[in-house]
Every structure is written in C-alpha cells, then in structure tokens.
C-alpha cells in the first residue's frame, strides 16, 4: 500500500513539475454496483454515484497518466431467508490510469485502484466492522471528448480483493469471497 501511495505522489509531483502539460478536472456520474464472487452470484445491483477530481499528466503526445480521487457509493442487494436487504458501502477510491488517445476524441484507459472504506450500512445499521478497510481493483474503460474541456467516460472496475472481514486461506475461498464490481458512467470537466 505504501508503494502505491508513493507512486501516486511521485506521479503527481512529476505533473506539478511539468504543469504546462498537466490539466486538472472534476468528474461525477452514475455507478451500477454489485458483489462478484462464487457465493454472491445472485447479488443484485444497486445504483449509486461517484464524485471527485483528477489530474491528467501528459507523458507523450497520445499517452497520459491520470490519478484520481473519488468518493464512490457502492454495494449490492442481497437476499437471505428473511428477504432482500441492501448493503451500501462508501469508499474513497484512488485509481491511477494510463489513458491512451486513439484519436483526439476517443480514449481508452486502464489501471489499478486502491479504495478506502468510509462507511458500510445494511438496512440503516452500521456494519463497517464486517468489511475490510482497504479494497483493490483494476479499471478499464473508454471515453469520448466532446471538447477540450468536456468528456464522458464509461469504466468497469473489477474487484481483486476480498472485501469481507475474514481471512481467505485458499484459492476456492478467494473465488467465493465478495469483491466489488462497479460500472460507472461519468461526465468530466477539465480546467
């Protein structure tokens, strides 16, 4: 985790040193989230949102690094013998993406993400102790730039780590553990 944070700081420091090639922006949009994993195949989606800021650091003409800090509402609708219940998780996510410009308008992006759990609720009850405080994932997506300042992105985040607060001892337990799965549609504005 320290390495990821240091890498993000190094990238941002590089960006500040090359300010003429760095643009900052804000973004927000809609999340469709659920849990993925063997025992969670029947989890239903919840609709949430994400909001935050980013820096686009130009490396070469068609390639940028884009670190972001996002507040993201995630979770899933689960079912047990008593009925359906919502599990709502709020994260501060820090993705670091490589963004490639196919054309001036079309982009593709991919990169790792680190998430920090802010709160967890099931039917209004605090269940933060039932979930791990850190989540990891991998993002991939595409975007379209309407102008130099306004763009829209569609991104999918694959959860890589068990989010429930129990240890995973083998491969089968890992595949059966809950992981975040997030599809996001966002609108961004660059300054």
N, C-alpha and C. Protein backbone atom coordinates (compact mmCIF):
# COMPACT_ATOMS: atom_id res chain seq x y z
N UNK A 1 0.82 -1.18 0.00
CA UNK A 1 0.00 0.00 0.00
C UNK A 1 0.88 1.26 0.00
N UNK A 2 1.98 1.23 0.77
CA UNK A 2 2.87 2.38 0.81
C UNK A 2 3.46 2.65 -0.57
N UNK A 3 3.76 1.59 -1.30
CA UNK A 3 4.33 1.75 -2.64
C UNK A 3 3.34 2.43 -3.57
N UNK A 4 2.08 2.05 -3.48
CA UNK A 4 1.06 2.66 -4.35
C UNK A 4 0.93 4.14 -4.03
N UNK A 5 0.85 4.47 -2.75
CA UNK A 5 0.72 5.87 -2.35
C UNK A 5 1.94 6.67 -2.80
N UNK A 6 3.14 6.10 -2.62
CA UNK A 6 4.35 6.79 -3.06
C UNK A 6 4.39 6.96 -4.58
N UNK A 7 3.90 5.96 -5.30
CA UNK A 7 3.85 6.05 -6.76
C UNK A 7 2.91 7.17 -7.18
N UNK A 8 1.72 7.24 -6.56
CA UNK A 8 0.77 8.31 -6.87
C UNK A 8 1.39 9.67 -6.58
N UNK A 9 2.05 9.81 -5.44
CA UNK A 9 2.69 11.08 -5.09
C UNK A 9 3.79 11.44 -6.08
N UNK A 10 4.57 10.45 -6.50
CA UNK A 10 5.63 10.70 -7.47
C UNK A 10 5.05 11.16 -8.81
N UNK A 11 3.97 10.53 -9.23
CA UNK A 11 3.33 10.91 -10.50
C UNK A 11 2.79 12.33 -10.40
N UNK A 12 2.15 12.64 -9.27
CA UNK A 12 1.61 13.98 -9.10
C UNK A 12 2.73 15.03 -9.02
N UNK A 13 3.84 14.69 -8.36
CA UNK A 13 4.98 15.61 -8.29
C UNK A 13 5.55 15.85 -9.68
N UNK A 14 5.66 14.78 -10.48
CA UNK A 14 6.11 14.92 -11.86
C UNK A 14 5.17 15.84 -12.63
N UNK A 15 3.88 15.68 -12.38
CA UNK A 15 2.88 16.51 -13.04
C UNK A 15 3.00 17.97 -12.66
N UNK A 16 3.25 18.25 -11.38
CA UNK A 16 3.41 19.63 -10.95
C UNK A 16 4.67 20.25 -11.56
N UNK A 17 5.71 19.45 -11.71
CA UNK A 17 6.94 19.94 -12.30
C UNK A 17 6.75 20.27 -13.78
N UNK A 18 5.84 19.58 -14.42
CA UNK A 18 5.52 19.81 -15.83
C UNK A 18 4.12 20.39 -15.96
N UNK A 19 3.84 21.45 -15.24
CA UNK A 19 2.48 21.99 -15.14
C UNK A 19 1.89 22.37 -16.49
N UNK A 20 2.71 22.76 -17.45
CA UNK A 20 2.17 23.14 -18.75
C UNK A 20 1.57 21.92 -19.47
N UNK A 21 1.94 20.72 -19.06
CA UNK A 21 1.40 19.52 -19.68
C UNK A 21 0.43 18.78 -18.76
N UNK A 22 0.02 19.40 -17.68
CA UNK A 22 -0.91 18.78 -16.73
C UNK A 22 -2.19 19.60 -16.68
N UNK A 23 -3.30 18.90 -16.76
CA UNK A 23 -4.60 19.54 -16.62
C UNK A 23 -5.33 18.89 -15.47
N UNK A 24 -6.06 19.70 -14.74
CA UNK A 24 -6.84 19.22 -13.60
C UNK A 24 -8.31 19.29 -13.95
N UNK A 25 -9.10 18.48 -13.27
CA UNK A 25 -10.52 18.49 -13.56
C UNK A 25 -11.35 17.87 -12.44
N UNK A 26 -12.66 17.96 -12.64
CA UNK A 26 -13.63 17.35 -11.74
C UNK A 26 -14.50 16.42 -12.56
N UNK A 27 -15.04 15.42 -11.87
CA UNK A 27 -15.90 14.47 -12.58
C UNK A 27 -16.96 13.94 -11.62
N UNK A 28 -18.04 13.48 -12.18
CA UNK A 28 -19.11 12.88 -11.39
C UNK A 28 -19.99 12.05 -12.29
N UNK A 29 -20.68 11.10 -11.69
CA UNK A 29 -21.55 10.28 -12.51
C UNK A 29 -22.24 9.18 -11.74
N UNK A 30 -22.75 8.25 -12.49
CA UNK A 30 -23.60 7.17 -12.01
C UNK A 30 -22.82 5.87 -11.90
N UNK A 31 -23.02 5.14 -10.79
CA UNK A 31 -22.44 3.82 -10.58
C UNK A 31 -23.55 2.77 -10.61
N UNK A 32 -23.29 1.64 -11.22
CA UNK A 32 -24.13 0.46 -11.08
C UNK A 32 -23.21 -0.59 -10.47
N UNK A 33 -23.49 -0.99 -9.22
CA UNK A 33 -22.56 -1.83 -8.46
C UNK A 33 -23.21 -3.10 -7.95
N UNK A 34 -22.37 -4.10 -7.73
CA UNK A 34 -22.80 -5.34 -7.11
C UNK A 34 -21.57 -6.02 -6.51
N UNK A 35 -21.77 -7.19 -5.92
CA UNK A 35 -20.66 -8.01 -5.44
C UNK A 35 -20.46 -9.15 -6.42
N UNK A 36 -19.22 -9.47 -6.70
CA UNK A 36 -18.89 -10.62 -7.54
C UNK A 36 -18.18 -11.64 -6.67
N UNK A 37 -18.28 -12.87 -7.01
CA UNK A 37 -17.65 -13.95 -6.26
C UNK A 37 -18.59 -15.14 -6.23
N UNK A 38 -18.05 -16.32 -6.00
CA UNK A 38 -18.80 -17.56 -6.08
C UNK A 38 -20.07 -17.62 -5.26
N UNK A 39 -20.01 -17.19 -4.00
CA UNK A 39 -21.21 -17.24 -3.15
C UNK A 39 -22.12 -16.04 -3.35
N UNK A 40 -21.77 -15.14 -4.24
CA UNK A 40 -22.55 -13.91 -4.44
C UNK A 40 -23.08 -13.81 -5.85
N UNK A 41 -23.25 -14.95 -6.53
CA UNK A 41 -23.72 -14.93 -7.92
C UNK A 41 -25.13 -14.38 -8.03
N UNK A 42 -25.91 -14.43 -6.96
CA UNK A 42 -27.29 -13.94 -7.01
C UNK A 42 -27.45 -12.53 -6.47
N UNK A 43 -26.33 -11.83 -6.15
CA UNK A 43 -26.41 -10.45 -5.68
C UNK A 43 -26.96 -9.57 -6.80
N UNK A 44 -27.85 -8.66 -6.43
CA UNK A 44 -28.45 -7.76 -7.41
C UNK A 44 -27.77 -6.40 -7.32
N UNK A 45 -27.89 -5.63 -8.39
CA UNK A 45 -27.20 -4.35 -8.49
C UNK A 45 -27.88 -3.26 -7.69
N UNK A 46 -27.07 -2.32 -7.23
CA UNK A 46 -27.53 -1.07 -6.64
C UNK A 46 -27.04 0.07 -7.53
N UNK A 47 -27.79 1.16 -7.55
CA UNK A 47 -27.39 2.34 -8.29
C UNK A 47 -26.86 3.36 -7.29
N UNK A 48 -25.70 3.92 -7.59
CA UNK A 48 -25.08 4.92 -6.73
C UNK A 48 -24.45 6.01 -7.56
N UNK A 49 -23.50 6.70 -6.97
CA UNK A 49 -22.82 7.78 -7.69
C UNK A 49 -21.36 7.84 -7.29
N UNK A 50 -20.58 8.59 -8.07
CA UNK A 50 -19.21 8.90 -7.70
C UNK A 50 -18.94 10.35 -8.07
N UNK A 51 -18.05 10.97 -7.27
CA UNK A 51 -17.75 12.38 -7.44
C UNK A 51 -16.31 12.62 -6.99
N UNK A 52 -15.56 13.41 -7.76
CA UNK A 52 -14.19 13.66 -7.35
C UNK A 52 -13.41 14.51 -8.32
N UNK A 53 -12.08 14.43 -8.20
CA UNK A 53 -11.20 15.21 -9.04
C UNK A 53 -10.09 14.35 -9.61
N UNK A 54 -9.38 14.92 -10.59
CA UNK A 54 -8.31 14.18 -11.26
C UNK A 54 -7.27 15.14 -11.81
N UNK A 55 -6.13 14.58 -12.15
CA UNK A 55 -5.08 15.30 -12.88
C UNK A 55 -4.75 14.45 -14.10
N UNK A 56 -4.67 15.09 -15.26
CA UNK A 56 -4.26 14.38 -16.48
C UNK A 56 -2.86 14.86 -16.82
N UNK A 57 -1.88 13.98 -16.67
CA UNK A 57 -0.47 14.31 -16.84
C UNK A 57 0.00 13.72 -18.16
N UNK A 58 0.30 14.59 -19.11
CA UNK A 58 0.71 14.15 -20.44
C UNK A 58 2.14 13.61 -20.39
N UNK A 59 2.31 12.37 -20.84
CA UNK A 59 3.62 11.73 -20.88
C UNK A 59 4.24 11.90 -22.27
N UNK A 60 3.51 11.47 -23.27
CA UNK A 60 3.86 11.70 -24.67
C UNK A 60 2.59 12.18 -25.35
N UNK A 61 2.64 12.46 -26.64
CA UNK A 61 1.51 13.09 -27.32
C UNK A 61 0.19 12.34 -27.13
N UNK A 62 0.20 11.03 -27.20
CA UNK A 62 -1.06 10.27 -27.12
C UNK A 62 -1.26 9.53 -25.80
N UNK A 63 -0.36 9.67 -24.85
CA UNK A 63 -0.44 8.92 -23.60
C UNK A 63 -0.36 9.85 -22.40
N UNK A 64 -1.31 9.66 -21.48
CA UNK A 64 -1.33 10.42 -20.23
C UNK A 64 -1.48 9.46 -19.07
N UNK A 65 -1.03 9.92 -17.90
CA UNK A 65 -1.31 9.23 -16.64
C UNK A 65 -2.35 10.05 -15.93
N UNK A 66 -3.40 9.39 -15.42
CA UNK A 66 -4.50 10.11 -14.80
C UNK A 66 -4.77 9.57 -13.39
N UNK A 67 -4.16 10.17 -12.37
CA UNK A 67 -4.53 9.82 -10.98
C UNK A 67 -5.82 10.54 -10.62
N UNK A 68 -6.66 9.87 -9.84
CA UNK A 68 -7.95 10.43 -9.43
C UNK A 68 -8.17 10.19 -7.95
N UNK A 69 -9.02 11.00 -7.36
CA UNK A 69 -9.53 10.77 -6.00
C UNK A 69 -11.03 10.91 -6.11
N UNK A 70 -11.76 9.81 -5.80
CA UNK A 70 -13.21 9.76 -6.00
C UNK A 70 -13.93 9.28 -4.75
N UNK A 71 -15.03 9.93 -4.41
CA UNK A 71 -15.95 9.38 -3.42
C UNK A 71 -16.94 8.54 -4.20
N UNK A 72 -17.10 7.27 -3.81
CA UNK A 72 -17.92 6.34 -4.59
C UNK A 72 -18.87 5.56 -3.69
N UNK A 73 -20.17 5.58 -4.04
CA UNK A 73 -21.15 4.76 -3.32
C UNK A 73 -21.29 3.44 -4.06
N UNK A 74 -21.10 2.34 -3.34
CA UNK A 74 -21.09 1.01 -3.93
C UNK A 74 -21.92 0.07 -3.06
N UNK A 75 -21.99 -1.19 -3.45
CA UNK A 75 -22.71 -2.17 -2.66
C UNK A 75 -23.50 -3.13 -3.52
N UNK A 76 -24.47 -3.80 -2.88
CA UNK A 76 -25.29 -4.78 -3.58
C UNK A 76 -26.57 -5.03 -2.81
N UNK A 77 -27.55 -5.56 -3.52
CA UNK A 77 -28.79 -6.02 -2.90
C UNK A 77 -28.65 -7.53 -2.73
N UNK A 78 -28.71 -7.98 -1.49
CA UNK A 78 -28.54 -9.40 -1.17
C UNK A 78 -29.85 -9.99 -0.68
N UNK A 79 -29.91 -11.30 -0.65
CA UNK A 79 -31.13 -11.99 -0.23
C UNK A 79 -30.77 -13.08 0.77
N UNK A 80 -31.58 -13.18 1.83
CA UNK A 80 -31.45 -14.31 2.76
C UNK A 80 -32.84 -14.85 3.05
N UNK A 81 -32.96 -15.72 4.04
CA UNK A 81 -34.25 -16.34 4.32
C UNK A 81 -35.29 -15.35 4.82
N UNK A 82 -34.86 -14.16 5.25
CA UNK A 82 -35.79 -13.15 5.74
C UNK A 82 -36.19 -12.14 4.66
N UNK A 83 -35.59 -12.22 3.48
CA UNK A 83 -35.92 -11.31 2.38
C UNK A 83 -34.71 -10.60 1.84
N UNK A 84 -34.96 -9.56 1.04
CA UNK A 84 -33.90 -8.76 0.43
C UNK A 84 -33.42 -7.68 1.39
N UNK A 85 -32.13 -7.36 1.32
CA UNK A 85 -31.59 -6.24 2.07
C UNK A 85 -30.44 -5.62 1.29
N UNK A 86 -30.29 -4.31 1.44
CA UNK A 86 -29.24 -3.56 0.75
C UNK A 86 -27.99 -3.46 1.62
N UNK A 87 -26.85 -3.70 1.01
CA UNK A 87 -25.56 -3.45 1.66
C UNK A 87 -24.92 -2.30 0.91
N UNK A 88 -24.79 -1.15 1.60
CA UNK A 88 -24.27 0.06 0.97
C UNK A 88 -22.91 0.40 1.56
N UNK A 89 -21.90 0.47 0.67
CA UNK A 89 -20.53 0.75 1.05
C UNK A 89 -20.09 2.07 0.41
N UNK A 90 -19.47 2.93 1.18
CA UNK A 90 -18.93 4.18 0.66
C UNK A 90 -17.41 4.12 0.73
N UNK A 91 -16.77 4.45 -0.38
CA UNK A 91 -15.32 4.38 -0.50
C UNK A 91 -14.73 5.72 -0.96
N UNK A 92 -13.50 5.97 -0.57
CA UNK A 92 -12.65 6.95 -1.24
C UNK A 92 -11.72 6.12 -2.11
N UNK A 93 -11.92 6.19 -3.42
CA UNK A 93 -11.13 5.40 -4.37
C UNK A 93 -10.04 6.26 -4.99
N UNK A 94 -8.87 5.64 -5.18
CA UNK A 94 -7.72 6.32 -5.78
C UNK A 94 -7.23 5.46 -6.95
N UNK A 95 -7.83 5.65 -8.14
CA UNK A 95 -7.32 4.95 -9.32
C UNK A 95 -6.17 5.73 -9.95
N UNK A 96 -5.24 5.02 -10.57
CA UNK A 96 -4.16 5.62 -11.35
C UNK A 96 -4.22 4.94 -12.71
N UNK A 97 -4.60 5.70 -13.73
CA UNK A 97 -4.89 5.13 -15.04
C UNK A 97 -3.89 5.57 -16.09
N UNK A 98 -3.58 4.68 -17.00
CA UNK A 98 -2.88 5.04 -18.23
C UNK A 98 -3.98 5.33 -19.25
N UNK A 99 -3.95 6.52 -19.82
CA UNK A 99 -5.00 6.95 -20.75
C UNK A 99 -4.38 7.17 -22.12
N UNK A 100 -4.86 6.41 -23.11
CA UNK A 100 -4.32 6.47 -24.46
C UNK A 100 -5.33 7.11 -25.39
N UNK A 101 -4.90 8.12 -26.13
CA UNK A 101 -5.76 8.80 -27.10
C UNK A 101 -5.67 8.09 -28.44
N UNK A 102 -6.74 7.36 -28.79
CA UNK A 102 -6.81 6.71 -30.11
C UNK A 102 -6.91 7.79 -31.18
N UNK A 103 -7.82 8.73 -30.96
CA UNK A 103 -7.94 9.95 -31.75
C UNK A 103 -8.06 11.09 -30.75
N UNK A 104 -8.25 12.31 -31.24
CA UNK A 104 -8.41 13.44 -30.32
C UNK A 104 -9.68 13.28 -29.48
N UNK A 105 -10.69 12.61 -30.03
CA UNK A 105 -11.96 12.44 -29.32
C UNK A 105 -12.03 11.15 -28.51
N UNK A 106 -11.53 10.04 -29.02
CA UNK A 106 -11.69 8.73 -28.37
C UNK A 106 -10.47 8.34 -27.56
N UNK A 107 -10.72 7.86 -26.32
CA UNK A 107 -9.65 7.40 -25.44
C UNK A 107 -9.99 6.03 -24.87
N UNK A 108 -8.95 5.30 -24.50
CA UNK A 108 -9.10 4.07 -23.72
C UNK A 108 -8.20 4.22 -22.51
N UNK A 109 -8.58 3.56 -21.41
CA UNK A 109 -7.84 3.72 -20.17
C UNK A 109 -7.84 2.42 -19.38
N UNK A 110 -6.80 2.24 -18.59
CA UNK A 110 -6.71 1.07 -17.72
C UNK A 110 -5.73 1.38 -16.61
N UNK A 111 -5.96 0.73 -15.45
CA UNK A 111 -5.03 0.91 -14.35
C UNK A 111 -5.57 0.42 -13.03
N UNK A 112 -4.70 0.32 -12.03
CA UNK A 112 -5.09 -0.18 -10.71
C UNK A 112 -5.84 0.86 -9.88
N UNK A 113 -6.48 0.37 -8.84
CA UNK A 113 -7.23 1.25 -7.94
C UNK A 113 -7.10 0.76 -6.52
N UNK A 114 -6.99 1.70 -5.60
CA UNK A 114 -6.97 1.42 -4.18
C UNK A 114 -8.17 2.14 -3.57
N UNK A 115 -8.97 1.43 -2.77
CA UNK A 115 -10.15 2.02 -2.17
C UNK A 115 -10.09 1.96 -0.66
N UNK A 116 -10.53 3.02 -0.01
CA UNK A 116 -10.56 3.10 1.45
C UNK A 116 -12.01 3.19 1.91
N UNK A 117 -12.45 2.22 2.70
CA UNK A 117 -13.83 2.17 3.16
C UNK A 117 -14.10 3.31 4.14
N UNK A 118 -15.14 4.09 3.85
CA UNK A 118 -15.55 5.20 4.71
C UNK A 118 -16.68 4.76 5.63
N UNK A 119 -17.67 4.07 5.05
CA UNK A 119 -18.81 3.59 5.85
C UNK A 119 -19.44 2.38 5.18
N UNK A 120 -20.16 1.59 5.98
CA UNK A 120 -20.88 0.42 5.48
C UNK A 120 -22.18 0.28 6.26
N UNK A 121 -23.29 0.15 5.54
CA UNK A 121 -24.59 0.04 6.19
C UNK A 121 -25.42 -1.06 5.53
N UNK A 122 -26.16 -1.78 6.36
CA UNK A 122 -27.16 -2.74 5.89
C UNK A 122 -28.49 -2.34 6.52
N UNK A 123 -29.42 -1.95 5.68
CA UNK A 123 -30.74 -1.51 6.15
C UNK A 123 -30.64 -0.47 7.26
N UNK A 124 -29.71 0.46 7.09
CA UNK A 124 -29.54 1.55 8.05
C UNK A 124 -28.66 1.25 9.24
N UNK A 125 -28.24 -0.01 9.42
CA UNK A 125 -27.38 -0.38 10.55
C UNK A 125 -25.91 -0.33 10.14
N UNK A 126 -25.07 0.18 11.04
CA UNK A 126 -23.63 0.26 10.77
C UNK A 126 -23.02 -1.14 10.81
N UNK A 127 -22.40 -1.55 9.70
CA UNK A 127 -21.75 -2.87 9.61
C UNK A 127 -20.31 -2.73 9.12
N UNK A 128 -19.70 -1.58 9.37
CA UNK A 128 -18.33 -1.33 8.89
C UNK A 128 -17.35 -2.37 9.41
N UNK A 129 -17.57 -2.89 10.61
CA UNK A 129 -16.68 -3.90 11.18
C UNK A 129 -16.73 -5.23 10.42
N UNK A 130 -17.74 -5.42 9.57
CA UNK A 130 -17.87 -6.66 8.79
C UNK A 130 -17.10 -6.61 7.48
N UNK A 131 -16.50 -5.45 7.16
CA UNK A 131 -15.81 -5.29 5.88
C UNK A 131 -14.39 -4.80 6.10
N UNK A 132 -13.51 -5.17 5.17
CA UNK A 132 -12.11 -4.73 5.24
C UNK A 132 -12.03 -3.24 4.92
N UNK A 133 -11.06 -2.58 5.52
CA UNK A 133 -10.94 -1.13 5.36
C UNK A 133 -10.29 -0.73 4.03
N UNK A 134 -9.62 -1.67 3.35
CA UNK A 134 -8.95 -1.37 2.08
C UNK A 134 -9.41 -2.36 1.01
N UNK A 135 -9.65 -1.84 -0.18
CA UNK A 135 -10.08 -2.64 -1.31
C UNK A 135 -9.14 -2.37 -2.48
N UNK A 136 -8.90 -3.39 -3.30
CA UNK A 136 -8.10 -3.20 -4.51
C UNK A 136 -8.93 -3.61 -5.72
N UNK A 137 -8.64 -2.98 -6.84
CA UNK A 137 -9.35 -3.30 -8.07
C UNK A 137 -8.53 -2.91 -9.28
N UNK A 138 -9.07 -3.25 -10.44
CA UNK A 138 -8.44 -2.88 -11.71
C UNK A 138 -9.52 -2.29 -12.60
N UNK A 139 -9.20 -1.14 -13.20
CA UNK A 139 -10.15 -0.41 -14.05
C UNK A 139 -9.79 -0.56 -15.52
N UNK A 140 -10.81 -0.61 -16.35
CA UNK A 140 -10.61 -0.44 -17.78
C UNK A 140 -11.84 0.22 -18.35
N UNK A 141 -11.63 1.07 -19.36
CA UNK A 141 -12.77 1.81 -19.90
C UNK A 141 -12.41 2.57 -21.15
N UNK A 142 -13.37 3.41 -21.57
CA UNK A 142 -13.22 4.21 -22.77
C UNK A 142 -13.89 5.56 -22.53
N UNK A 143 -13.46 6.54 -23.30
CA UNK A 143 -14.03 7.87 -23.15
C UNK A 143 -14.19 8.57 -24.48
N UNK A 144 -14.99 9.63 -24.44
CA UNK A 144 -15.20 10.46 -25.62
C UNK A 144 -15.10 11.92 -25.19
N UNK A 145 -14.26 12.69 -25.87
CA UNK A 145 -14.07 14.11 -25.58
C UNK A 145 -14.95 14.94 -26.51
N UNK A 146 -15.96 15.60 -25.96
CA UNK A 146 -16.83 16.46 -26.75
C UNK A 146 -16.09 17.73 -27.16
N UNK A 147 -15.32 18.28 -26.21
CA UNK A 147 -14.49 19.46 -26.45
C UNK A 147 -13.15 19.21 -25.75
N UNK A 148 -12.29 20.21 -25.72
CA UNK A 148 -11.03 20.08 -24.98
C UNK A 148 -11.28 20.01 -23.47
N UNK A 149 -12.44 20.48 -23.03
CA UNK A 149 -12.73 20.53 -21.59
C UNK A 149 -13.75 19.51 -21.12
N UNK A 150 -14.67 19.08 -21.96
CA UNK A 150 -15.79 18.23 -21.53
C UNK A 150 -15.67 16.84 -22.15
N UNK A 151 -15.78 15.82 -21.29
CA UNK A 151 -15.70 14.43 -21.78
C UNK A 151 -16.65 13.54 -21.00
N UNK A 152 -16.91 12.39 -21.56
CA UNK A 152 -17.71 11.36 -20.90
C UNK A 152 -16.91 10.06 -20.91
N UNK A 153 -17.00 9.30 -19.81
CA UNK A 153 -16.24 8.05 -19.69
C UNK A 153 -17.16 6.93 -19.25
N UNK A 154 -16.91 5.75 -19.76
CA UNK A 154 -17.56 4.53 -19.31
C UNK A 154 -16.45 3.61 -18.82
N UNK A 155 -16.54 3.20 -17.54
CA UNK A 155 -15.46 2.44 -16.92
C UNK A 155 -16.03 1.27 -16.12
N UNK A 156 -15.30 0.15 -16.18
CA UNK A 156 -15.65 -1.01 -15.36
C UNK A 156 -14.50 -1.28 -14.39
N UNK A 157 -14.84 -1.46 -13.12
CA UNK A 157 -13.84 -1.79 -12.10
C UNK A 157 -14.06 -3.22 -11.63
N UNK A 158 -13.06 -4.04 -11.83
CA UNK A 158 -13.07 -5.43 -11.37
C UNK A 158 -12.43 -5.47 -9.99
N UNK A 159 -13.16 -5.92 -8.99
CA UNK A 159 -12.60 -6.06 -7.65
C UNK A 159 -11.61 -7.21 -7.61
N UNK A 160 -10.46 -6.98 -6.99
CA UNK A 160 -9.42 -8.01 -6.91
C UNK A 160 -9.30 -8.62 -5.52
N UNK A 161 -9.78 -7.93 -4.51
CA UNK A 161 -9.59 -8.41 -3.14
C UNK A 161 -10.92 -8.71 -2.46
N UNK A 162 -10.86 -9.63 -1.51
CA UNK A 162 -11.99 -9.96 -0.66
C UNK A 162 -12.33 -8.73 0.17
N UNK A 163 -13.59 -8.29 0.14
CA UNK A 163 -13.96 -7.10 0.90
C UNK A 163 -14.54 -7.44 2.27
N UNK A 164 -14.94 -8.69 2.48
CA UNK A 164 -15.49 -9.10 3.78
C UNK A 164 -14.36 -9.26 4.78
N UNK A 165 -14.67 -9.00 6.05
CA UNK A 165 -13.63 -9.02 7.08
C UNK A 165 -13.41 -10.44 7.61
N UNK A 166 -12.87 -11.28 6.75
CA UNK A 166 -12.40 -12.61 7.16
C UNK A 166 -11.23 -12.98 6.25
N UNK A 167 -10.36 -13.81 6.78
CA UNK A 167 -9.17 -14.21 6.03
C UNK A 167 -9.51 -15.30 5.03
N UNK A 168 -8.87 -15.21 3.88
CA UNK A 168 -9.02 -16.20 2.82
C UNK A 168 -7.79 -17.10 2.85
N UNK A 169 -8.01 -18.40 2.98
CA UNK A 169 -6.90 -19.33 3.16
C UNK A 169 -6.49 -20.09 1.91
N UNK A 170 -7.38 -20.20 0.93
CA UNK A 170 -7.03 -20.93 -0.28
C UNK A 170 -7.74 -20.33 -1.49
N UNK A 171 -7.45 -20.85 -2.65
CA UNK A 171 -7.98 -20.32 -3.90
C UNK A 171 -9.49 -20.41 -3.95
N UNK A 172 -10.06 -21.52 -3.48
CA UNK A 172 -11.51 -21.68 -3.51
C UNK A 172 -12.20 -20.63 -2.65
N UNK A 173 -11.68 -20.37 -1.47
CA UNK A 173 -12.25 -19.33 -0.61
C UNK A 173 -12.12 -17.96 -1.25
N UNK A 174 -11.00 -17.71 -1.94
CA UNK A 174 -10.82 -16.43 -2.63
C UNK A 174 -11.90 -16.24 -3.69
N UNK A 175 -12.14 -17.25 -4.52
CA UNK A 175 -13.14 -17.13 -5.58
C UNK A 175 -14.55 -17.03 -5.02
N UNK A 176 -14.79 -17.57 -3.83
CA UNK A 176 -16.12 -17.48 -3.21
C UNK A 176 -16.31 -16.24 -2.36
N UNK A 177 -15.27 -15.44 -2.18
CA UNK A 177 -15.38 -14.24 -1.35
C UNK A 177 -15.97 -13.08 -2.16
N UNK A 178 -16.66 -12.14 -1.48
CA UNK A 178 -17.24 -11.00 -2.20
C UNK A 178 -16.17 -10.01 -2.65
N UNK A 179 -16.34 -9.52 -3.87
CA UNK A 179 -15.45 -8.49 -4.43
C UNK A 179 -16.35 -7.43 -5.08
N UNK A 180 -15.91 -6.19 -5.02
CA UNK A 180 -16.69 -5.12 -5.65
C UNK A 180 -16.66 -5.24 -7.16
N UNK A 181 -17.77 -4.92 -7.78
CA UNK A 181 -17.91 -4.89 -9.23
C UNK A 181 -18.67 -3.60 -9.56
N UNK A 182 -18.02 -2.68 -10.29
CA UNK A 182 -18.59 -1.35 -10.49
C UNK A 182 -18.53 -0.97 -11.97
N UNK A 183 -19.68 -0.58 -12.51
CA UNK A 183 -19.77 0.01 -13.84
C UNK A 183 -20.13 1.47 -13.64
N UNK A 184 -19.31 2.38 -14.18
CA UNK A 184 -19.52 3.81 -13.94
C UNK A 184 -19.59 4.59 -15.25
N UNK A 185 -20.54 5.50 -15.32
CA UNK A 185 -20.67 6.44 -16.43
C UNK A 185 -20.50 7.83 -15.83
N UNK A 186 -19.46 8.54 -16.26
CA UNK A 186 -19.15 9.84 -15.64
C UNK A 186 -19.00 10.93 -16.69
N UNK A 187 -19.26 12.15 -16.25
CA UNK A 187 -19.05 13.36 -17.03
C UNK A 187 -17.91 14.11 -16.37
N UNK A 188 -16.93 14.55 -17.15
CA UNK A 188 -15.74 15.23 -16.60
C UNK A 188 -15.58 16.59 -17.24
N UNK A 189 -15.04 17.51 -16.43
CA UNK A 189 -14.70 18.85 -16.93
C UNK A 189 -13.25 19.14 -16.56
N UNK A 190 -12.42 19.45 -17.56
CA UNK A 190 -11.00 19.79 -17.35
C UNK A 190 -10.84 21.30 -17.38
N UNK A 191 -10.03 21.82 -16.47
CA UNK A 191 -9.77 23.26 -16.40
C UNK A 191 -8.63 23.64 -17.32
